Amino acid sequence: MFAWADVSPAIGIVQLNPATDRPTLPPMPAFIDHISIPVSDFDASAGFYDAVLATLRMERRKQNDIGLGWGPPETAAPIFWIIAPKLGSATSGLGLHISFRARDRGEVHAFHETALRLGAQDAGAPGPRPHYTAGFYGCFVLDPDGFKIEAVVREAL
């Protein structure tokens, strides 16, 4: 049986948070620079994502004639974009799933509550999902265009 005490902090994998006695993982490296999705109602989606992404400490970083982008304060460029509709551009549909990284369970709950309050459809309440990966705690909603978006904190891997 695996126990957190068996993982040596000396090798840099996991350290226990003394306040909670829960593991604290090192930051996950980012391998994707940004994501953009088409939206059917640009203004409605802008308001939706302003509120939902604020729960994860993301803010508007750039707007141009193509779209609108958000990112956390520590990044130089937006990491998530919505794109205004235009003839021949991509459309929403089944299969696309975007996961936003939360810092803790509170942010997961705030993301879910804010999205539902703004009309998103519930696709999975906040909670642990050990069948995904160890320490996975997240929620899922369908945004105004039907994209499946998620907030997750990985408390252990």
Protein backbone atom coordinates (compact mmCIF):
# COMPACT_ATOMS: atom_id res chain seq x y z
CA MET A 1 0.00 0.00 0.00
CA PHE A 2 1.34 3.42 -0.99
CA ALA A 3 1.74 5.99 1.77
CA TRP A 4 2.81 9.61 1.40
CA ALA A 5 5.42 9.08 4.08
CA ASP A 6 7.12 6.65 1.67
CA VAL A 7 7.86 9.44 -0.83
CA SER A 8 11.04 11.24 0.04
CA PRO A 9 10.87 15.04 -0.11
CA ALA A 10 14.59 14.93 -0.81
CA ILE A 11 13.96 13.74 -4.37
CA GLY A 12 11.65 16.65 -5.01
CA ILE A 13 8.45 14.77 -5.76
CA VAL A 14 6.19 15.48 -2.80
CA GLN A 15 6.32 17.45 0.41
CA LEU A 16 3.68 17.44 3.11
CA ASN A 17 1.99 20.72 3.92
CA PRO A 18 2.48 20.99 7.69
CA ALA A 19 -0.81 22.88 8.14
CA THR A 20 -2.96 20.21 6.46
CA ASP A 21 -0.71 17.13 6.47
CA ARG A 22 -1.67 16.79 2.79
CA PRO A 23 0.86 16.44 0.00
CA THR A 24 2.00 19.50 -1.90
CA LEU A 25 3.11 18.76 -5.44
CA PRO A 26 5.70 20.71 -7.38
CA PRO A 27 4.23 22.90 -10.14
CA MET A 28 3.24 21.05 -13.30
CA PRO A 29 5.20 22.19 -16.35
CA ALA A 30 3.14 23.75 -19.12
CA PHE A 31 3.52 22.25 -22.57
CA ILE A 32 0.67 24.04 -24.33
CA ASP A 33 1.14 27.73 -25.01
CA HIS A 34 -2.50 28.69 -25.57
CA ILE A 35 -5.92 27.43 -26.65
CA SER A 36 -8.57 29.25 -28.66
CA ILE A 37 -12.21 28.29 -29.18
CA PRO A 38 -14.88 29.75 -31.45
CA VAL A 39 -17.98 31.16 -29.78
CA SER A 40 -21.41 31.91 -31.22
CA ASP A 41 -22.16 35.00 -29.08
CA PHE A 42 -18.92 36.87 -28.46
CA ASP A 43 -20.25 39.35 -25.88
CA ALA A 44 -22.11 36.71 -23.86
CA SER A 45 -19.10 34.40 -23.88
CA ALA A 46 -16.77 37.26 -22.90
CA GLY A 47 -18.91 37.95 -19.83
CA PHE A 48 -19.17 34.25 -19.00
CA TYR A 49 -15.40 33.69 -19.18
CA ASP A 50 -14.60 36.96 -17.37
CA ALA A 51 -16.48 35.66 -14.34
CA VAL A 52 -15.60 31.97 -14.53
CA LEU A 53 -11.88 32.48 -15.17
CA ALA A 54 -11.65 35.10 -12.42
CA THR A 55 -12.34 32.26 -9.96
CA LEU A 56 -8.99 30.82 -11.10
CA ARG A 57 -7.19 34.19 -10.86
CA MET A 58 -7.13 34.68 -14.63
CA GLU A 59 -7.80 38.07 -16.14
CA ARG A 60 -8.29 39.64 -19.56
CA ARG A 61 -4.87 40.12 -21.08
CA LYS A 62 -5.55 41.11 -24.69
CA GLN A 63 -8.38 41.90 -27.08
CA ASN A 64 -8.08 42.43 -30.81
CA ASP A 65 -10.23 42.10 -33.93
CA ILE A 66 -9.83 38.30 -33.83
CA GLY A 67 -10.75 37.57 -30.25
CA LEU A 68 -10.22 38.00 -26.53
CA GLY A 69 -7.59 36.30 -24.36
CA TRP A 70 -7.15 35.61 -20.63
CA GLY A 71 -4.19 34.51 -18.57
CA PRO A 72 -2.82 34.38 -15.05
CA PRO A 73 -0.82 37.38 -13.82
CA GLU A 74 2.46 35.46 -14.06
CA THR A 75 2.26 34.84 -17.83
CA ALA A 76 3.28 37.37 -20.44
CA ALA A 77 0.62 36.38 -22.98
CA PRO A 78 -2.94 35.05 -22.83
CA ILE A 79 -3.28 31.29 -22.55
CA PHE A 80 -7.01 30.99 -23.32
CA TRP A 81 -8.80 32.78 -26.17
CA ILE A 82 -12.35 33.04 -27.47
CA ILE A 83 -12.63 33.78 -31.17
CA ALA A 84 -15.39 35.86 -32.75
CA PRO A 85 -17.58 33.95 -35.20
CA LYS A 86 -16.84 34.31 -38.88
CA LEU A 87 -17.69 32.38 -42.01
CA GLY A 88 -15.65 29.21 -42.35
CA SER A 89 -14.24 29.17 -38.81
CA ALA A 90 -14.41 26.22 -36.46
CA THR A 91 -17.56 25.51 -34.47
CA SER A 92 -18.24 23.94 -31.08
CA GLY A 93 -19.05 20.29 -30.82
CA LEU A 94 -18.51 17.03 -29.07
CA GLY A 95 -15.02 15.91 -28.29
CA LEU A 96 -13.33 19.12 -27.20
CA HIS A 97 -12.59 19.31 -23.49
CA ILE A 98 -10.59 22.07 -21.84
CA SER A 99 -9.23 21.70 -18.33
CA PHE A 100 -8.21 24.75 -16.30
CA ARG A 101 -5.80 24.25 -13.40
CA ALA A 102 -7.10 25.36 -10.00
CA ARG A 103 -4.89 26.02 -6.98
CA ASP A 104 -7.18 24.33 -4.46
CA ARG A 105 -10.63 22.82 -3.89
CA GLY A 106 -12.09 26.24 -3.10
CA GLU A 107 -11.26 27.46 -6.60
CA VAL A 108 -12.84 24.32 -8.10
CA HIS A 109 -16.07 25.03 -6.20
CA ALA A 110 -16.03 28.75 -7.10
CA PHE A 111 -15.51 27.90 -10.80
CA HIS A 112 -18.45 25.46 -10.77
CA GLU A 113 -20.81 27.75 -8.83
CA THR A 114 -19.98 30.77 -10.99
CA ALA A 115 -20.44 28.85 -14.23
CA LEU A 116 -23.82 27.45 -13.16
CA ARG A 117 -24.99 30.88 -11.97
CA LEU A 118 -24.16 32.22 -15.45
CA GLY A 119 -26.18 29.54 -17.22
CA ALA A 120 -23.66 26.76 -17.82
CA GLN A 121 -24.98 23.21 -17.75
CA ASP A 122 -23.66 20.96 -14.98
CA ALA A 123 -21.56 18.11 -16.37
CA GLY A 124 -20.06 16.90 -13.08
CA ALA A 125 -20.15 18.43 -9.60
CA PRO A 126 -16.92 19.17 -7.71
CA GLY A 127 -15.44 16.10 -6.14
CA PRO A 128 -12.66 13.54 -6.14
CA ARG A 129 -12.37 11.23 -9.12
CA PRO A 130 -9.80 8.60 -8.13
CA HIS A 131 -10.60 6.58 -11.26
CA TYR A 132 -8.99 9.42 -13.31
CA THR A 133 -5.70 9.83 -11.43
CA ALA A 134 -4.70 9.86 -7.79
CA GLY A 135 -5.50 13.15 -6.11
CA PHE A 136 -7.78 14.40 -8.89
CA TYR A 137 -10.41 16.84 -7.57
CA GLY A 138 -12.43 18.66 -10.20
CA CYS A 139 -15.72 19.70 -11.76
CA PHE A 140 -17.17 19.90 -15.27
CA VAL A 141 -19.63 22.23 -17.00
CA LEU A 142 -20.80 22.90 -20.54
CA ASP A 143 -20.20 26.54 -21.48
CA PRO A 144 -22.73 28.66 -23.44
CA ASP A 145 -21.57 27.06 -26.72
CA GLY A 146 -21.57 23.51 -25.38
CA PHE A 147 -17.82 23.17 -24.85
CA LYS A 148 -16.96 20.93 -21.89
CA ILE A 149 -14.75 22.90 -19.53
CA GLU A 150 -13.27 21.75 -16.26
CA ALA A 151 -11.44 23.07 -13.21
CA VAL A 152 -9.12 20.63 -11.49
CA VAL A 153 -6.63 20.61 -8.66
CA ARG A 154 -4.23 17.68 -8.58
CA GLU A 155 -3.53 17.10 -4.93
CA ALA A 156 -1.42 14.04 -5.66
CA LEU A 157 -0.23 12.14 -8.71
